[in-house]
Amino acid sequence: MVEINKSRLEDRSIRTQPVSPEQIGFPLVAQAARVLRKVTGREDENIALITSASPDRLDAPRWLKLNRAGFGGIENGLHQRLDVSQNDDRCRIRDSNGIWVIGMVRRLANSLLMEWLSHQPHPEYKTTTDFQSAMAEEHRQRAVRIVLSKRPNFGPS
């Protein structure tokens, strides 16, 4: 698909493949894709995508179109939180086990953050940095208690 994006000529192509959760280590995945973006004046970019939609529900041309239209929605969800708070997009781990481990740790940290936020008086004003500071105040002891507790209490100590 060739189009103009931000006044530059952009050529995007997609290659899809059915996959299983066991192959990729990601629950519910049914399909993976690689998008190659070629933009005038920039280095070529490969983007990896996964989805739970099967190939009969989401073919390559439709996926390419939805990827362009829905990118902002993806960036505003969990991916945005992981990228901003954990600097996920800059991760340079290449070992598949290492990627899996750091991904699970980051998602655990994000889950703890979301639970902590639900107990704050004004969660809209709290950030990941606030959460990390609160956990660091007691040298991470409180975070360990939360993780190991059957009934976590996020209130004041």
Protein backbone atom coordinates (compact mmCIF):
# COMPACT_ATOMS: atom_id res chain seq x y z
CA MET A 1 0.00 0.00 0.00
CA VAL A 2 1.54 3.32 -1.07
CA GLU A 3 0.24 6.55 0.47
CA ILE A 4 1.27 10.02 1.57
CA ASN A 5 1.91 10.27 5.31
CA LYS A 6 3.02 13.60 6.82
CA SER A 7 3.97 14.87 3.38
CA ARG A 8 6.21 11.87 2.68
CA LEU A 9 5.70 8.94 0.36
CA GLU A 10 5.20 5.78 2.45
CA ASP A 11 5.10 2.22 1.15
CA ARG A 12 3.79 -0.38 3.60
CA SER A 13 3.63 -4.11 2.97
CA ILE A 14 2.48 -6.87 5.30
CA ARG A 15 3.26 -10.56 5.63
CA THR A 16 0.99 -12.64 7.90
CA GLN A 17 1.17 -16.13 9.33
CA PRO A 18 -1.12 -18.23 11.55
CA VAL A 19 0.58 -19.00 14.89
CA SER A 20 -0.21 -20.65 18.22
CA PRO A 21 0.25 -19.24 21.74
CA GLU A 22 2.92 -21.88 22.37
CA GLN A 23 4.98 -20.74 19.37
CA ILE A 24 5.12 -17.12 20.48
CA GLY A 25 4.62 -17.38 24.23
CA PHE A 26 1.65 -15.03 24.20
CA PRO A 27 -1.85 -16.13 25.30
CA LEU A 28 -4.74 -16.21 22.80
CA VAL A 29 -2.59 -15.27 19.79
CA ALA A 30 -3.83 -16.70 16.49
CA GLN A 31 -1.85 -14.73 13.93
CA ALA A 32 1.39 -12.79 13.59
CA ALA A 33 2.44 -10.26 10.99
CA ARG A 34 5.41 -8.21 9.93
CA VAL A 35 4.86 -4.79 8.38
CA LEU A 36 7.67 -3.29 6.31
CA ARG A 37 7.50 0.51 6.13
CA LYS A 38 9.54 2.35 3.56
CA VAL A 39 9.38 6.10 3.91
CA THR A 40 11.17 8.54 1.64
CA GLY A 41 14.22 9.95 3.40
CA ARG A 42 14.12 7.46 6.30
CA GLU A 43 15.54 4.05 7.10
CA ASP A 44 13.23 1.08 6.41
CA GLU A 45 11.31 -0.08 9.47
CA ASN A 46 10.05 -3.58 10.35
CA ILE A 47 7.11 -3.75 12.76
CA ALA A 48 5.96 -7.01 14.37
CA LEU A 49 2.25 -7.44 15.16
CA ILE A 50 0.15 -10.14 16.82
CA THR A 51 -3.61 -10.63 17.10
CA SER A 52 -6.13 -13.08 18.47
CA ALA A 53 -8.12 -12.80 15.21
CA SER A 54 -7.81 -15.82 12.94
CA PRO A 55 -6.74 -15.36 9.28
CA ASP A 56 -10.33 -15.96 8.07
CA ARG A 57 -11.54 -13.06 10.27
CA LEU A 58 -8.62 -10.73 9.55
CA ASP A 59 -6.86 -11.03 6.21
CA ALA A 60 -3.62 -9.20 5.34
CA PRO A 61 -5.11 -6.18 3.45
CA ARG A 62 -7.68 -5.54 6.18
CA TRP A 63 -5.04 -5.89 8.90
CA LEU A 64 -2.81 -3.38 7.14
CA LYS A 65 -5.72 -0.94 6.90
CA LEU A 66 -6.73 -1.44 10.55
CA ASN A 67 -3.13 -1.08 11.65
CA ARG A 68 -2.99 2.37 10.09
CA ALA A 69 -6.41 3.42 11.42
CA GLY A 70 -6.11 1.89 14.87
CA PHE A 71 -2.53 2.71 15.77
CA GLY A 72 -3.56 5.60 18.03
CA GLY A 73 -5.93 3.30 19.92
CA ILE A 74 -3.19 0.77 20.50
CA GLU A 75 -0.79 3.45 21.71
CA ASN A 76 -3.36 4.73 24.23
CA GLY A 77 -3.89 1.38 25.97
CA LEU A 78 -1.56 -1.00 27.77
CA HIS A 79 1.14 -0.50 25.16
CA GLN A 80 1.26 3.22 25.91
CA ARG A 81 1.57 2.56 29.64
CA LEU A 82 4.35 0.03 29.09
CA ASP A 83 6.18 2.22 26.62
CA VAL A 84 6.01 5.40 28.68
CA SER A 85 6.49 3.96 32.16
CA GLN A 86 8.81 1.05 31.33
CA ASN A 87 10.44 2.44 28.17
CA ASP A 88 9.34 -0.81 26.49
CA ASP A 89 10.01 0.23 22.88
CA ARG A 90 13.68 0.88 23.65
CA CYS A 91 14.27 -2.57 25.12
CA ARG A 92 17.29 -4.21 23.48
CA ILE A 93 16.89 -7.71 24.93
CA ARG A 94 17.16 -10.23 22.09
CA ASP A 95 17.03 -13.56 23.94
CA SER A 96 13.51 -15.03 23.69
CA ASN A 97 13.49 -16.16 27.34
CA GLY A 98 14.75 -12.77 28.46
CA ILE A 99 12.05 -10.99 26.45
CA TRP A 100 9.37 -13.20 27.98
CA VAL A 101 10.65 -12.66 31.54
CA ILE A 102 11.01 -8.88 31.25
CA GLY A 103 7.59 -8.67 29.56
CA MET A 104 5.92 -10.54 32.42
CA VAL A 105 7.75 -8.45 35.06
CA ARG A 106 6.66 -5.23 33.32
CA ARG A 107 3.06 -6.41 33.10
CA LEU A 108 3.15 -7.41 36.76
CA ALA A 109 4.50 -3.96 37.65
CA ASN A 110 1.76 -2.37 35.54
CA SER A 111 -0.91 -4.50 37.27
CA LEU A 112 0.42 -3.47 40.67
CA LEU A 113 0.38 0.17 39.55
CA MET A 114 -3.25 -0.09 38.41
CA GLU A 115 -4.27 -1.73 41.70
CA TRP A 116 -2.37 0.92 43.68
CA LEU A 117 -4.06 3.68 41.65
CA SER A 118 -7.51 2.28 42.47
CA HIS A 119 -6.80 2.98 46.16
CA GLN A 120 -5.54 6.55 45.72
CA PRO A 121 -7.76 9.59 46.49
CA HIS A 122 -7.01 11.28 43.13
CA PRO A 123 -5.59 8.60 40.82
CA GLU A 124 -5.80 10.90 37.79
CA TYR A 125 -2.93 12.92 39.28
CA LYS A 126 -0.71 9.92 40.06
CA THR A 127 2.01 8.56 37.80
CA THR A 128 4.21 5.50 37.57
CA THR A 129 6.95 7.58 39.19
CA ASP A 130 4.65 8.22 42.18
CA PHE A 131 4.02 4.49 42.48
CA GLN A 132 7.73 3.65 42.25
CA SER A 133 8.53 6.29 44.87
CA ALA A 134 5.86 4.93 47.21
CA MET A 135 7.26 1.43 46.82
CA ALA A 136 10.87 2.60 47.24
CA GLU A 137 10.14 4.42 50.51
CA GLU A 138 10.36 1.14 52.39
CA HIS A 139 13.15 -0.33 50.24
CA ARG A 140 10.69 -2.40 48.25
CA GLN A 141 9.52 -4.33 51.34
CA ARG A 142 5.98 -3.13 50.84
CA ALA A 143 5.99 -4.22 47.18
CA VAL A 144 7.17 -7.69 48.18
CA ARG A 145 4.41 -7.93 50.83
CA ILE A 146 1.82 -6.91 48.19
CA VAL A 147 3.04 -9.51 45.71
CA LEU A 148 3.14 -12.31 48.28
CA SER A 149 -0.06 -11.43 50.10
CA LYS A 150 -3.30 -13.30 49.45
CA ARG A 151 -5.26 -10.12 50.20
CA PRO A 152 -3.14 -7.09 49.28
CA ASN A 153 -3.68 -3.90 51.23
CA PHE A 154 -2.56 -0.75 49.41
CA GLY A 155 -3.58 1.61 52.17
CA PRO A 156 -1.15 3.48 54.43
CA SER A 157 1.28 1.26 56.35
